[in-house]
C-alpha cells in the first residue's frame, strides 16, 4: 500500500540499506536536471549511465519491491 506522505527524495546518491558495507547496489537521487524525476544508477559503476524515471514510477517500483522478502 503506497504511503500517504512520501519521503522526500535525497539530493545526494543513496543506496539501499540491504546493500551492506560494500554499497554494491542500486543507487538513486533526485534528478538534478528534471523536476519530479529520479536518477537511478549502479553504485559499482559511479561514472556509468543512469536511468531517469518520473518520481511516481520510482515510488511504484519501490512499493512493488517492498512486497518481496530478501
N, C-alpha and C. Protein backbone atom coordinates (compact mmCIF):
# COMPACT_ATOMS: atom_id res chain seq x y z
N UNK A 1 0.85 -1.17 0.00
CA UNK A 1 0.00 0.00 0.00
C UNK A 1 0.89 1.24 0.00
N UNK A 2 0.69 2.15 -0.94
CA UNK A 2 1.53 3.33 -1.01
C UNK A 2 1.37 4.21 0.22
N UNK A 3 2.46 4.83 0.59
CA UNK A 3 2.46 5.75 1.73
C UNK A 3 1.67 7.00 1.38
N UNK A 4 0.91 7.53 2.35
CA UNK A 4 0.13 8.74 2.08
C UNK A 4 1.02 9.98 2.01
N UNK A 5 2.14 9.96 2.71
CA UNK A 5 3.09 11.07 2.68
C UNK A 5 4.46 10.53 2.28
N UNK A 6 4.80 10.59 0.98
CA UNK A 6 6.08 10.04 0.55
C UNK A 6 7.26 10.78 1.16
N UNK A 7 8.30 10.02 1.45
CA UNK A 7 9.53 10.64 1.95
C UNK A 7 10.16 11.46 0.84
N UNK A 8 10.80 12.57 1.19
CA UNK A 8 11.46 13.38 0.16
C UNK A 8 12.60 12.59 -0.49
N UNK A 9 12.84 12.87 -1.75
CA UNK A 9 13.94 12.22 -2.45
C UNK A 9 15.26 12.86 -2.03
N UNK A 10 16.31 12.04 -1.90
CA UNK A 10 17.60 12.61 -1.50
C UNK A 10 18.25 13.41 -2.62
N UNK A 11 18.99 14.45 -2.23
CA UNK A 11 19.73 15.25 -3.20
C UNK A 11 21.03 14.56 -3.61
N UNK A 12 21.57 13.75 -2.71
CA UNK A 12 22.82 13.02 -2.97
C UNK A 12 22.49 11.54 -3.20
N UNK A 13 23.42 10.82 -3.82
CA UNK A 13 23.20 9.40 -4.08
C UNK A 13 22.95 8.65 -2.78
N UNK A 14 21.97 7.77 -2.82
CA UNK A 14 21.59 6.94 -1.68
C UNK A 14 21.51 5.49 -2.15
N UNK A 15 21.97 4.56 -1.33
CA UNK A 15 21.85 3.14 -1.66
C UNK A 15 20.95 2.46 -0.65
N UNK A 16 20.48 1.31 -1.01
CA UNK A 16 19.61 0.53 -0.15
C UNK A 16 20.33 0.11 1.12
N UNK A 17 19.60 0.03 2.22
CA UNK A 17 20.19 -0.46 3.46
C UNK A 17 20.54 -1.94 3.33
N UNK A 18 20.00 -2.63 2.34
CA UNK A 18 20.31 -4.04 2.12
C UNK A 18 21.62 -4.23 1.37
N UNK A 19 22.27 -3.17 0.95
CA UNK A 19 23.49 -3.30 0.17
C UNK A 19 24.70 -3.66 1.02
N UNK A 20 24.57 -3.58 2.34
CA UNK A 20 25.67 -3.96 3.22
C UNK A 20 26.77 -2.92 3.25
N UNK A 21 27.93 -3.34 3.74
CA UNK A 21 29.06 -2.43 3.91
C UNK A 21 29.68 -2.00 2.59
N UNK A 22 29.54 -2.82 1.55
CA UNK A 22 30.20 -2.51 0.28
C UNK A 22 29.45 -1.49 -0.54
N UNK A 23 28.15 -1.34 -0.31
CA UNK A 23 27.37 -0.39 -1.09
C UNK A 23 27.13 -0.82 -2.52
N UNK A 24 27.39 -2.10 -2.83
CA UNK A 24 27.17 -2.61 -4.18
C UNK A 24 25.68 -2.81 -4.42
N UNK A 25 25.06 -1.80 -4.93
CA UNK A 25 23.61 -1.85 -5.05
C UNK A 25 23.14 -0.77 -6.02
N UNK A 26 21.86 -0.76 -6.23
CA UNK A 26 21.24 0.33 -6.98
C UNK A 26 21.32 1.58 -6.13
N UNK A 27 21.55 2.71 -6.77
CA UNK A 27 21.57 3.98 -6.03
C UNK A 27 20.61 4.94 -6.72
N UNK A 28 20.13 5.92 -5.98
CA UNK A 28 19.17 6.87 -6.53
C UNK A 28 19.31 8.22 -5.86
N UNK A 29 18.80 9.22 -6.55
CA UNK A 29 18.76 10.58 -6.02
C UNK A 29 17.74 11.37 -6.84
N UNK A 30 17.36 12.51 -6.31
CA UNK A 30 16.50 13.42 -7.04
C UNK A 30 17.26 13.88 -8.27
N UNK A 31 16.58 13.91 -9.40
CA UNK A 31 17.24 14.34 -10.63
C UNK A 31 17.71 15.78 -10.51
N UNK A 32 18.89 16.02 -11.01
CA UNK A 32 19.44 17.38 -11.00
C UNK A 32 19.07 18.16 -12.25
N UNK A 33 18.45 17.48 -13.21
CA UNK A 33 18.13 18.16 -14.47
C UNK A 33 16.64 18.17 -14.79
N UNK A 34 15.86 17.30 -14.15
CA UNK A 34 14.42 17.22 -14.45
C UNK A 34 13.62 17.23 -13.16
N UNK A 35 12.73 18.19 -13.02
CA UNK A 35 11.87 18.27 -11.83
C UNK A 35 10.99 17.03 -11.73
N UNK A 36 10.75 16.58 -10.50
CA UNK A 36 9.87 15.44 -10.19
C UNK A 36 10.33 14.15 -10.87
N UNK A 37 11.65 14.00 -11.02
CA UNK A 37 12.23 12.78 -11.59
C UNK A 37 13.33 12.25 -10.67
N UNK A 38 13.64 10.97 -10.83
CA UNK A 38 14.65 10.29 -10.03
C UNK A 38 15.72 9.72 -10.96
N UNK A 39 16.98 9.91 -10.61
CA UNK A 39 18.09 9.28 -11.34
C UNK A 39 18.43 7.99 -10.61
N UNK A 40 18.57 6.90 -11.36
CA UNK A 40 18.89 5.59 -10.79
C UNK A 40 20.16 5.10 -11.48
N UNK A 41 21.10 4.59 -10.68
CA UNK A 41 22.35 4.11 -11.25
C UNK A 41 22.91 2.93 -10.47
N UNK A 42 24.04 2.42 -10.93
CA UNK A 42 24.73 1.28 -10.33
C UNK A 42 25.87 1.81 -9.46
N UNK A 43 25.84 1.52 -8.18
CA UNK A 43 26.87 2.05 -7.28
C UNK A 43 28.26 1.50 -7.61
N UNK A 44 28.34 0.34 -8.26
CA UNK A 44 29.65 -0.22 -8.62
C UNK A 44 30.26 0.49 -9.83
N UNK A 45 29.45 1.27 -10.53
CA UNK A 45 29.90 1.98 -11.72
C UNK A 45 29.44 3.44 -11.63
N UNK A 46 30.05 4.21 -10.71
CA UNK A 46 29.55 5.57 -10.46
C UNK A 46 29.63 6.51 -11.65
N UNK A 47 30.49 6.23 -12.62
CA UNK A 47 30.59 7.07 -13.80
C UNK A 47 29.76 6.53 -14.97
N UNK A 48 29.05 5.45 -14.71
CA UNK A 48 28.26 4.81 -15.75
C UNK A 48 26.94 5.52 -16.01
N UNK A 49 26.15 4.96 -16.90
CA UNK A 49 24.89 5.59 -17.27
C UNK A 49 23.89 5.55 -16.12
N UNK A 50 22.92 6.43 -16.19
CA UNK A 50 21.83 6.44 -15.22
C UNK A 50 20.51 6.38 -15.98
N UNK A 51 19.51 5.93 -15.28
CA UNK A 51 18.16 5.87 -15.80
C UNK A 51 17.37 6.97 -15.09
N UNK A 52 16.63 7.77 -15.82
CA UNK A 52 15.83 8.83 -15.22
C UNK A 52 14.36 8.45 -15.34
N UNK A 53 13.68 8.39 -14.19
CA UNK A 53 12.28 8.00 -14.14
C UNK A 53 11.43 9.09 -13.51
N UNK A 54 10.17 9.20 -13.93
CA UNK A 54 9.28 10.10 -13.20
C UNK A 54 9.16 9.61 -11.75
N UNK A 55 9.07 10.53 -10.83
CA UNK A 55 9.02 10.18 -9.41
C UNK A 55 7.92 9.17 -9.10
N UNK A 56 6.75 9.32 -9.71
CA UNK A 56 5.65 8.40 -9.41
C UNK A 56 5.98 6.97 -9.85
N UNK A 57 6.71 6.81 -10.94
CA UNK A 57 7.10 5.46 -11.38
C UNK A 57 8.14 4.87 -10.43
N UNK A 58 9.08 5.68 -9.96
CA UNK A 58 10.07 5.21 -8.99
C UNK A 58 9.38 4.74 -7.72
N UNK A 59 8.44 5.54 -7.21
CA UNK A 59 7.73 5.16 -5.98
C UNK A 59 6.90 3.90 -6.18
N UNK A 60 6.30 3.72 -7.36
CA UNK A 60 5.54 2.49 -7.65
C UNK A 60 6.48 1.29 -7.65
N UNK A 61 7.68 1.44 -8.23
CA UNK A 61 8.66 0.35 -8.22
C UNK A 61 9.07 0.00 -6.79
N UNK A 62 9.35 1.00 -5.97
CA UNK A 62 9.77 0.77 -4.59
C UNK A 62 8.66 0.07 -3.83
N UNK A 63 7.42 0.50 -3.99
CA UNK A 63 6.30 -0.16 -3.32
C UNK A 63 6.18 -1.61 -3.77
N UNK A 64 6.36 -1.87 -5.05
CA UNK A 64 6.34 -3.23 -5.60
C UNK A 64 7.45 -4.08 -4.98
N UNK A 65 8.66 -3.54 -4.93
CA UNK A 65 9.81 -4.28 -4.42
C UNK A 65 9.68 -4.60 -2.94
N UNK A 66 9.00 -3.75 -2.19
CA UNK A 66 8.82 -3.99 -0.76
C UNK A 66 8.00 -5.26 -0.50
N UNK A 67 7.28 -5.73 -1.49
CA UNK A 67 6.46 -6.93 -1.34
C UNK A 67 7.25 -8.22 -1.38
N UNK A 68 8.54 -8.16 -1.63
CA UNK A 68 9.38 -9.36 -1.72
C UNK A 68 10.30 -9.47 -0.52
N UNK A 69 10.50 -10.67 -0.07
CA UNK A 69 11.45 -10.89 1.03
C UNK A 69 12.85 -10.99 0.47
N UNK A 70 13.81 -10.55 1.26
CA UNK A 70 15.21 -10.60 0.84
C UNK A 70 15.88 -11.77 1.50
